[in-house]
């Protein structure tokens, strides 16, 4: 979720601005692996496995045989509710420095090694207890190695992140820092038969909370997915996809589980300006019993996702995304998530771009004696980027989010604002 910025906040802000630059976490590729329960994420993993072969595009340096891109950013964020609280709201100014590196090495004609890494830090002007305790690792930082054998493309990967911001999690409220380390290591295989493409993969996923209050979420997962697609025409591909996973918690609060999903999907270039992606199917899961959350439910549900990308003209592109899926709950077996998301991107001119985002989410926990919640969240934001020169750019943005819960003292709203500047080497 991007941080955005809006109005000026007076002399205190201006004093800090003089020494600060934008924090901009790595905008990496789609996820290789995440919670196995989320069936639609298998499509993102398949997209990663089918990404284009290595090229010079996007890299601005060459270090011997290695293509590289480096950038450094520093930023200033104003946040009027850093602890996601309904009543005891606290505001602060946050300094966010970061660096990003993207490296690619064509080891041989058939082998390529890639590293995408973003690291950063967060320092709070008033509430120093929320300062980052170690360097943050940007979402979806990854090391991957591609091997081509005949019609097969094999990718070995290790994807990792160390995050702190709790606002991205629909289940959380009344928390200022949720530090967690995630790592997924595995393999994907693509068998390209021209009109037919078969894709499969496996990942071992680890989740570790570095915030003691959430250590009950620590777990490991074995994740699997397989899909087959047929290019029916030049503009239409259809196929089927299945996922599976085993979840094992380190502590006896949440229940261990086994998950699976299967269903069809299609992608079509409906017109030269409209691209449509549609998928859906069945999602099921069974849980062990005896966890302290006292949730004895199973999963017997459907998932679906519709994404429409519309290129209005050569300057404006918009995306509409609607879906429903289940994911692991925080204090329950599952949380069923229904969402609507809209994004628009406008290239105003050669230097300036404007982005707008809006979303609505509805989360419903499975029944539990401990804490079962119904949540509605919506948010809107806008961000403008301006290129000052070949290597230097600045941005200004604002983001608002509102969460409504049926449990007492777990609703909140938050305004965030960001100004910054980024240097690309």
Protein backbone atom coordinates (compact mmCIF):
# COMPACT_ATOMS: atom_id res chain seq x y z
CA UNK A 1 0.00 0.00 0.00
CA UNK A 2 1.64 3.23 -1.07
CA UNK A 3 2.24 6.13 1.29
CA UNK A 4 0.82 9.42 0.09
CA UNK A 5 1.06 13.08 1.01
CA UNK A 6 -1.05 16.25 1.16
CA UNK A 7 -1.00 19.63 2.97
CA UNK A 8 1.87 21.45 4.73
CA UNK A 9 2.23 20.91 8.47
CA UNK A 10 4.05 24.03 9.58
CA UNK A 11 7.50 24.98 10.79
CA UNK A 12 8.31 21.65 12.45
CA UNK A 13 7.88 19.90 9.13
CA UNK A 14 9.86 22.49 7.19
CA UNK A 15 12.86 22.12 9.49
CA UNK A 16 12.98 18.39 8.89
CA UNK A 17 12.33 18.61 5.16
CA UNK A 18 15.68 20.30 4.58
CA UNK A 19 17.54 17.10 5.45
CA UNK A 20 15.25 14.40 4.12
CA UNK A 21 14.59 12.38 0.98
CA UNK A 22 11.82 10.00 -0.07
CA UNK A 23 11.46 6.49 1.28
CA UNK A 24 10.27 4.34 -1.58
CA UNK A 25 10.18 0.60 -0.97
CA UNK A 26 11.09 -1.74 -3.76
CA UNK A 27 8.30 -2.13 -6.30
CA UNK A 28 9.29 -5.69 -7.16
CA UNK A 29 7.55 -8.30 -9.25
CA UNK A 30 4.42 -10.13 -8.24
CA UNK A 31 4.80 -12.56 -5.37
CA UNK A 32 6.44 -15.92 -5.85
CA UNK A 33 4.66 -17.39 -2.85
CA UNK A 34 2.53 -16.23 0.03
CA UNK A 35 -0.09 -17.82 2.25
CA UNK A 36 -1.09 -21.05 0.54
CA UNK A 37 -4.75 -20.47 1.30
CA UNK A 38 -5.01 -17.59 -1.15
CA UNK A 39 -5.83 -19.37 -4.37
CA UNK A 40 -5.67 -16.37 -6.68
CA UNK A 41 -2.05 -15.72 -5.70
CA UNK A 42 -1.12 -18.81 -7.66
CA UNK A 43 -1.84 -16.75 -10.75
CA UNK A 44 0.75 -14.21 -9.63
CA UNK A 45 3.28 -16.98 -9.09
CA UNK A 46 2.56 -18.34 -12.56
CA UNK A 47 3.00 -14.85 -14.02
CA UNK A 48 6.40 -14.61 -12.33
CA UNK A 49 7.44 -17.99 -13.72
CA UNK A 50 6.43 -16.86 -17.22
CA UNK A 51 8.10 -13.43 -17.01
CA UNK A 52 10.25 -12.38 -20.01
CA UNK A 53 13.81 -13.58 -20.32
CA UNK A 54 16.60 -11.30 -19.25
CA UNK A 55 17.05 -8.11 -21.28
CA UNK A 56 18.73 -4.72 -20.87
CA UNK A 57 15.37 -3.03 -20.26
CA UNK A 58 15.18 -1.19 -16.95
CA UNK A 59 18.90 -1.41 -16.12
CA UNK A 60 21.07 1.71 -16.28
CA UNK A 61 24.52 0.39 -15.36
CA UNK A 62 26.76 -2.43 -16.53
CA UNK A 63 29.35 -3.82 -14.11
CA UNK A 64 31.30 -6.30 -16.20
CA UNK A 65 28.84 -9.06 -17.09
CA UNK A 66 26.26 -7.80 -14.55
CA UNK A 67 23.41 -5.42 -15.43
CA UNK A 68 22.47 -3.16 -12.52
CA UNK A 69 20.09 -0.47 -11.34
CA UNK A 70 20.63 1.43 -8.06
CA UNK A 71 18.60 4.14 -6.35
CA UNK A 72 18.63 5.93 -3.00
CA UNK A 73 15.62 7.55 -1.38
CA UNK A 74 14.70 9.46 1.73
CA UNK A 75 11.28 10.63 2.73
CA UNK A 76 9.16 12.39 5.29
CA UNK A 77 5.78 10.99 6.32
CA UNK A 78 3.16 12.63 8.51
CA UNK A 79 0.78 10.10 10.10
CA UNK A 80 -2.11 11.21 12.32
CA UNK A 81 -2.82 7.74 13.80
CA UNK A 82 0.35 5.69 14.09
CA UNK A 83 -1.21 3.08 16.43
CA UNK A 84 -4.42 2.48 14.41
CA UNK A 85 -6.51 3.48 17.44
CA UNK A 86 -10.14 4.49 17.67
CA UNK A 87 -9.84 6.73 20.74
CA UNK A 88 -6.19 7.24 21.75
CA UNK A 89 -4.96 8.67 18.47
CA UNK A 90 -1.28 9.67 18.25
CA UNK A 91 0.40 11.52 15.38
CA UNK A 92 4.05 11.68 14.39
CA UNK A 93 6.56 12.60 11.71
CA UNK A 94 8.51 9.65 10.31
CA UNK A 95 11.84 9.70 8.47
CA UNK A 96 12.20 6.87 5.95
CA UNK A 97 15.56 6.40 4.16
CA UNK A 98 16.05 3.47 1.77
CA UNK A 99 18.22 2.07 -1.00
CA UNK A 100 17.28 -0.26 -3.83
CA UNK A 101 19.40 -2.53 -6.01
CA UNK A 102 18.43 -4.67 -8.99
CA UNK A 103 21.15 -6.93 -10.42
CA UNK A 104 21.05 -9.40 -13.31
CA UNK A 105 23.80 -11.68 -14.60
CA UNK A 106 23.44 -13.72 -17.79
CA UNK A 107 25.71 -16.53 -16.56
CA UNK A 108 25.42 -18.39 -19.87
CA UNK A 109 23.09 -18.52 -22.84
CA UNK A 110 20.74 -20.76 -20.84
CA UNK A 111 21.26 -19.51 -17.26
CA UNK A 112 20.48 -16.15 -15.62
CA UNK A 113 20.84 -14.97 -12.02
CA UNK A 114 18.79 -12.04 -10.63
CA UNK A 115 18.79 -10.17 -7.33
CA UNK A 116 16.17 -7.58 -6.36
CA UNK A 117 16.76 -5.99 -2.97
CA UNK A 118 15.34 -2.98 -1.15
CA UNK A 119 16.34 -2.04 2.38
CA UNK A 120 15.14 0.85 4.52
CA UNK A 121 14.66 2.31 7.97
CA UNK A 122 11.93 4.21 9.85
CA UNK A 123 12.67 6.79 12.58
CA UNK A 124 9.86 8.52 14.51
CA UNK A 125 10.35 12.14 15.59
CA UNK A 126 8.36 11.83 18.85
CA UNK A 127 7.49 8.17 19.45
CA UNK A 128 10.95 6.65 19.23
CA UNK A 129 9.69 3.35 20.65
CA UNK A 130 8.29 2.66 17.17
CA UNK A 131 11.65 3.15 15.42
CA UNK A 132 12.74 0.26 13.23
CA UNK A 133 14.73 -2.17 15.37
CA UNK A 134 16.67 -3.47 12.35
CA UNK A 135 16.84 -2.70 8.66
CA UNK A 136 13.59 -3.31 6.81
CA UNK A 137 13.68 -5.49 3.70
CA UNK A 138 11.26 -4.37 1.02
CA UNK A 139 8.32 -6.59 0.00
CA UNK A 140 9.19 -9.27 -2.53
CA UNK A 141 12.94 -8.82 -2.47
CA UNK A 142 14.20 -11.99 -4.14
CA UNK A 143 17.12 -13.97 -5.47
CA UNK A 144 16.27 -16.14 -8.47
CA UNK A 145 18.17 -18.36 -10.92
CA UNK A 146 16.74 -19.31 -14.32
CA UNK A 147 17.77 -22.48 -16.15
CA UNK A 148 16.57 -23.40 -19.66
CA UNK A 149 16.49 -27.08 -20.69
CA UNK A 150 14.85 -27.69 -24.06
CA UNK A 151 11.22 -26.55 -23.78
CA UNK A 152 11.52 -26.22 -19.99
CA UNK A 153 12.26 -23.10 -17.98
CA UNK A 154 13.22 -23.84 -14.38
CA UNK A 155 13.46 -21.07 -11.78
CA UNK A 156 14.96 -21.54 -8.33
CA UNK A 157 14.05 -18.69 -6.00
CA UNK A 158 14.29 -17.33 -2.50
CA UNK A 159 11.91 -14.46 -1.74
CA UNK A 160 12.20 -12.56 1.55
CA UNK A 161 10.96 -9.47 3.35
CA UNK A 162 11.16 -7.80 6.76
CA UNK A 163 8.19 -5.46 7.28
CA UNK A 164 6.85 -3.29 10.08
CA UNK A 165 3.80 -1.31 8.93
CA UNK A 166 0.57 -2.86 10.33
CA UNK A 167 -1.91 -0.87 8.23
CA UNK A 168 -1.63 -3.27 5.28
CA UNK A 169 -3.29 -6.03 7.36
CA UNK A 170 -7.10 -5.90 7.47
CA UNK A 171 -7.15 -7.93 10.71
CA UNK A 172 -5.08 -5.48 12.78
CA UNK A 173 -6.02 -2.52 14.99
CA UNK A 174 -4.54 -0.87 18.11
CA UNK A 175 -0.95 -1.62 17.11
CA UNK A 176 1.85 0.73 16.05
CA UNK A 177 4.43 -1.80 14.94
CA UNK A 178 4.01 -5.30 13.54
CA UNK A 179 7.48 -6.50 12.62
CA UNK A 180 7.53 -9.78 10.72
CA UNK A 181 9.99 -11.72 8.60
CA UNK A 182 8.72 -13.77 5.66
CA UNK A 183 10.72 -16.13 3.48
CA UNK A 184 9.65 -18.40 0.63
CA UNK A 185 12.15 -20.66 -1.11
CA UNK A 186 11.29 -23.07 -3.89
CA UNK A 187 11.13 -23.86 -7.57
CA UNK A 188 8.85 -23.16 -10.53
CA UNK A 189 8.87 -25.06 -13.82
CA UNK A 190 7.37 -23.87 -17.10
CA UNK A 191 6.90 -26.28 -20.02
CA UNK A 192 6.29 -24.22 -23.14
CA UNK A 193 4.62 -26.24 -25.92
CA UNK A 194 3.80 -23.22 -28.07
CA UNK A 195 0.01 -22.99 -27.78
CA UNK A 196 -0.04 -25.00 -24.55
CA UNK A 197 1.88 -23.89 -21.45
CA UNK A 198 2.12 -26.05 -18.33
CA UNK A 199 3.35 -24.42 -15.11
CA UNK A 200 4.00 -25.91 -11.67
CA UNK A 201 5.76 -24.91 -8.51
CA UNK A 202 6.62 -25.61 -4.90
CA UNK A 203 7.66 -23.30 -2.05
CA UNK A 204 8.57 -23.71 1.60
CA UNK A 205 7.25 -20.61 3.36
CA UNK A 206 8.22 -19.33 6.82
CA UNK A 207 6.52 -16.57 8.80
CA UNK A 208 8.15 -15.23 11.97
CA UNK A 209 6.81 -12.34 14.04
CA UNK A 210 9.48 -10.15 15.62
CA UNK A 211 6.77 -8.45 17.69
CA UNK A 212 6.23 -10.66 20.75
CA UNK A 213 2.46 -10.06 20.93
CA UNK A 214 2.06 -11.80 17.58
CA UNK A 215 4.47 -14.71 18.00
CA UNK A 216 1.45 -17.06 18.00
CA UNK A 217 1.31 -16.46 14.21
CA UNK A 218 4.74 -18.03 13.63
CA UNK A 219 4.41 -20.93 11.18
CA UNK A 220 5.75 -22.76 8.17
CA UNK A 221 3.86 -23.81 5.05
CA UNK A 222 4.39 -26.24 2.20
CA UNK A 223 2.84 -24.70 -0.91
CA UNK A 224 2.09 -26.24 -4.33
CA UNK A 225 0.46 -24.99 -7.52
CA UNK A 226 -0.03 -26.32 -11.04
CA UNK A 227 -1.74 -24.83 -14.07
CA UNK A 228 -2.25 -25.48 -17.76
CA UNK A 229 -3.23 -22.87 -20.33
CA UNK A 230 -4.18 -23.03 -24.01
CA UNK A 231 -3.76 -20.10 -26.37
CA UNK A 232 -7.07 -20.54 -28.19
CA UNK A 233 -6.57 -17.45 -30.40
CA UNK A 234 -4.06 -14.64 -30.68
CA UNK A 235 -6.06 -12.69 -28.10
CA UNK A 236 -7.53 -15.43 -25.86
CA UNK A 237 -5.94 -17.91 -23.42
CA UNK A 238 -7.92 -20.33 -21.27
CA UNK A 239 -6.82 -22.82 -18.66
CA UNK A 240 -7.25 -24.48 -15.28
CA UNK A 241 -5.30 -24.03 -12.06
CA UNK A 242 -5.00 -25.92 -8.78
CA UNK A 243 -3.24 -25.08 -5.50
CA UNK A 244 -2.56 -26.93 -2.27
CA UNK A 245 -0.83 -26.30 1.01
CA UNK A 246 -0.05 -27.52 4.50
CA UNK A 247 0.13 -25.02 7.38
CA UNK A 248 1.92 -25.82 10.66
CA UNK A 249 2.00 -23.30 13.52
CA UNK A 250 4.83 -23.16 16.06
CA UNK A 251 2.45 -22.47 18.94
CA UNK A 252 -0.85 -23.99 20.04
CA UNK A 253 -3.15 -21.04 19.42
CA UNK A 254 -4.24 -21.31 15.78
CA UNK A 255 -5.02 -24.69 14.24
CA UNK A 256 -2.82 -26.48 11.72
CA UNK A 257 -4.51 -27.01 8.39
CA UNK A 258 -4.49 -28.42 4.85
CA UNK A 259 -5.75 -26.27 1.94
CA UNK A 260 -6.62 -26.73 -1.69
CA UNK A 261 -8.33 -24.90 -4.54
CA UNK A 262 -9.04 -25.48 -8.21
CA UNK A 263 -10.84 -23.71 -11.02
CA UNK A 264 -10.67 -22.28 -14.55
CA UNK A 265 -9.23 -18.98 -15.73
CA UNK A 266 -9.04 -16.94 -18.91
CA UNK A 267 -7.19 -13.92 -20.24
CA UNK A 268 -8.26 -11.99 -23.30
CA UNK A 269 -7.36 -8.82 -25.13
CA UNK A 270 -10.98 -7.85 -25.61
CA UNK A 271 -10.16 -4.79 -27.72
CA UNK A 272 -6.86 -3.04 -28.52
CA UNK A 273 -7.52 -0.97 -25.37
CA UNK A 274 -9.13 -3.43 -22.93
CA UNK A 275 -7.49 -6.47 -21.32
CA UNK A 276 -9.59 -8.83 -19.17
CA UNK A 277 -8.44 -11.50 -16.71
CA UNK A 278 -11.02 -13.74 -15.05
CA UNK A 279 -10.63 -16.70 -12.69
CA UNK A 280 -12.73 -18.57 -10.14
CA UNK A 281 -13.34 -21.91 -8.53
CA UNK A 282 -13.65 -23.88 -5.33
CA UNK A 283 -11.59 -23.32 -2.19
CA UNK A 284 -11.55 -25.86 0.63
CA UNK A 285 -9.63 -26.64 3.78
CA UNK A 286 -9.66 -28.80 6.89
CA UNK A 287 -8.25 -27.92 10.33
CA UNK A 288 -6.93 -29.81 13.27
CA UNK A 289 -8.61 -29.16 16.62
CA UNK A 290 -7.35 -28.20 20.04
CA UNK A 291 -6.05 -24.71 19.27
CA UNK A 292 -6.65 -22.07 21.91
CA UNK A 293 -8.70 -19.97 19.46
CA UNK A 294 -11.52 -22.56 19.86
CA UNK A 295 -12.39 -22.35 16.17
CA UNK A 296 -13.73 -25.70 14.90
CA UNK A 297 -14.81 -24.52 11.45
CA UNK A 298 -13.59 -25.79 8.07
CA UNK A 299 -13.43 -24.00 4.73
CA UNK A 300 -15.98 -24.78 2.03
CA UNK A 301 -16.18 -21.76 -0.24
CA UNK A 302 -15.65 -20.28 -3.70
CA UNK A 303 -13.09 -17.75 -4.89
CA UNK A 304 -13.11 -15.43 -7.87
CA UNK A 305 -11.31 -12.49 -9.40
CA UNK A 306 -12.03 -10.16 -12.31
CA UNK A 307 -9.44 -7.66 -13.46
CA UNK A 308 -9.99 -5.18 -16.27
CA UNK A 309 -7.20 -2.96 -17.59
CA UNK A 310 -8.35 -0.09 -19.81
CA UNK A 311 -5.93 2.04 -21.78
CA UNK A 312 -8.02 5.16 -22.29
CA UNK A 313 -5.36 6.75 -24.50
CA UNK A 314 -1.57 6.94 -24.65
CA UNK A 315 -1.56 9.07 -21.50
CA UNK A 316 -4.16 7.45 -19.20
CA UNK A 317 -4.53 3.83 -18.07
CA UNK A 318 -7.00 2.56 -15.47
CA UNK A 319 -7.43 -0.81 -13.73
CA UNK A 320 -10.53 -2.25 -12.05
CA UNK A 321 -10.17 -5.30 -9.78
CA UNK A 322 -12.93 -7.17 -7.93
CA UNK A 323 -12.64 -10.46 -6.10
CA UNK A 324 -13.39 -12.78 -3.23
CA UNK A 325 -11.06 -15.26 -1.52
CA UNK A 326 -10.22 -16.76 1.87
CA UNK A 327 -6.99 -16.30 3.79
CA UNK A 328 -5.62 -17.42 7.13
CA UNK A 329 -7.18 -15.59 10.06
CA UNK A 330 -5.23 -13.92 12.84
CA UNK A 331 -7.30 -15.22 15.77
CA UNK A 332 -9.60 -17.51 13.77
CA UNK A 333 -9.13 -20.29 11.22
CA UNK A 334 -10.01 -18.11 8.23
CA UNK A 335 -10.90 -14.61 7.11
CA UNK A 336 -13.00 -14.34 3.95
CA UNK A 337 -12.08 -11.21 2.02
CA UNK A 338 -14.22 -9.46 -0.60
CA UNK A 339 -12.65 -6.46 -2.33
CA UNK A 340 -13.05 -3.83 -5.02
CA UNK A 341 -10.00 -1.85 -6.16
CA UNK A 342 -9.54 0.91 -8.69
CA UNK A 343 -6.36 2.55 -9.92
CA UNK A 344 -5.63 5.17 -12.57
CA UNK A 345 -2.32 6.38 -13.97
CA UNK A 346 -2.00 9.62 -15.96
CA UNK A 347 1.23 10.62 -17.72
CA UNK A 348 0.68 14.35 -17.70
CA UNK A 349 3.82 15.15 -19.67
CA UNK A 350 7.41 13.96 -20.06
CA UNK A 351 8.21 14.92 -16.45
CA UNK A 352 5.02 14.54 -14.41
CA UNK A 353 2.77 11.56 -13.66
CA UNK A 354 -0.32 11.37 -11.47
CA UNK A 355 -1.66 8.20 -9.83
CA UNK A 356 -4.99 7.68 -8.06
CA UNK A 357 -6.05 4.65 -6.00
CA UNK A 358 -9.24 3.64 -4.21
CA UNK A 359 -10.40 0.41 -2.58
CA UNK A 360 -13.10 -1.20 -0.47
CA UNK A 361 -12.61 -4.43 1.52
CA UNK A 362 -14.98 -6.55 3.56
CA UNK A 363 -13.48 -9.13 5.92
CA UNK A 364 -15.42 -11.80 7.79
CA UNK A 365 -13.75 -14.12 10.31
CA UNK A 366 -14.83 -17.70 10.81
CA UNK A 367 -16.64 -18.29 14.16
CA UNK A 368 -14.39 -18.46 17.22
CA UNK A 369 -14.90 -18.18 20.96
CA UNK A 370 -11.80 -16.01 21.22
CA UNK A 371 -12.39 -13.12 18.81
CA UNK A 372 -14.39 -13.21 15.57
CA UNK A 373 -14.71 -9.94 13.68
CA UNK A 374 -16.56 -8.36 10.76
CA UNK A 375 -14.59 -5.54 9.14
CA UNK A 376 -15.23 -2.96 6.43
CA UNK A 377 -12.32 -0.85 5.15
CA UNK A 378 -12.04 1.72 2.41
CA UNK A 379 -9.28 4.02 1.30
CA UNK A 380 -8.45 6.67 -1.29
CA UNK A 381 -5.20 8.28 -2.27
CA UNK A 382 -3.36 10.28 -4.90
CA UNK A 383 0.30 10.73 -5.71
CA UNK A 384 2.16 12.97 -8.14
CA UNK A 385 5.72 12.27 -9.29
CA UNK A 386 7.86 14.88 -10.99
CA UNK A 387 11.23 14.22 -12.64
CA UNK A 388 13.63 17.05 -11.81
CA UNK A 389 16.40 15.72 -14.02
CA UNK A 390 17.86 12.58 -15.53
CA UNK A 391 18.63 11.04 -12.13
CA UNK A 392 16.49 13.00 -9.69
CA UNK A 393 12.74 12.89 -9.04
CA UNK A 394 10.38 14.08 -6.31
CA UNK A 395 6.89 13.06 -5.21
CA UNK A 396 3.98 14.38 -3.20
CA UNK A 397 1.04 12.28 -2.07
CA UNK A 398 -1.80 11.67 0.36
CA UNK A 399 -3.63 8.56 1.60
CA UNK A 400 -6.78 8.12 3.74
CA UNK A 401 -8.04 4.84 5.18
CA UNK A 402 -11.10 4.09 7.32
CA UNK A 403 -11.76 0.81 9.18
CA UNK A 404 -15.10 -0.11 10.77
CA UNK A 405 -15.36 -3.14 13.06
CA UNK A 406 -18.27 -4.81 14.84
CA UNK A 407 -16.01 -5.28 17.90
CA UNK A 408 -15.55 -2.45 20.44
CA UNK A 409 -12.49 -0.16 20.17
CA UNK A 410 -11.26 -1.71 16.90
CA UNK A 411 -12.44 0.92 14.42
CA UNK A 412 -10.10 3.68 13.26
CA UNK A 413 -9.30 6.17 10.53
CA UNK A 414 -5.90 7.36 9.42
CA UNK A 415 -4.44 10.13 7.26
CA UNK A 416 -0.92 9.73 5.88
CA UNK A 417 1.10 12.20 3.87
CA UNK A 418 4.49 11.96 2.17
CA UNK A 419 6.97 14.23 0.49
CA UNK A 420 10.27 13.00 -0.85
CA UNK A 421 12.93 12.82 -3.49
CA UNK A 422 14.75 9.88 -5.13
CA UNK A 423 18.12 9.65 -6.86
CA UNK A 424 18.72 6.97 -9.51
CA UNK A 425 22.40 6.28 -10.13
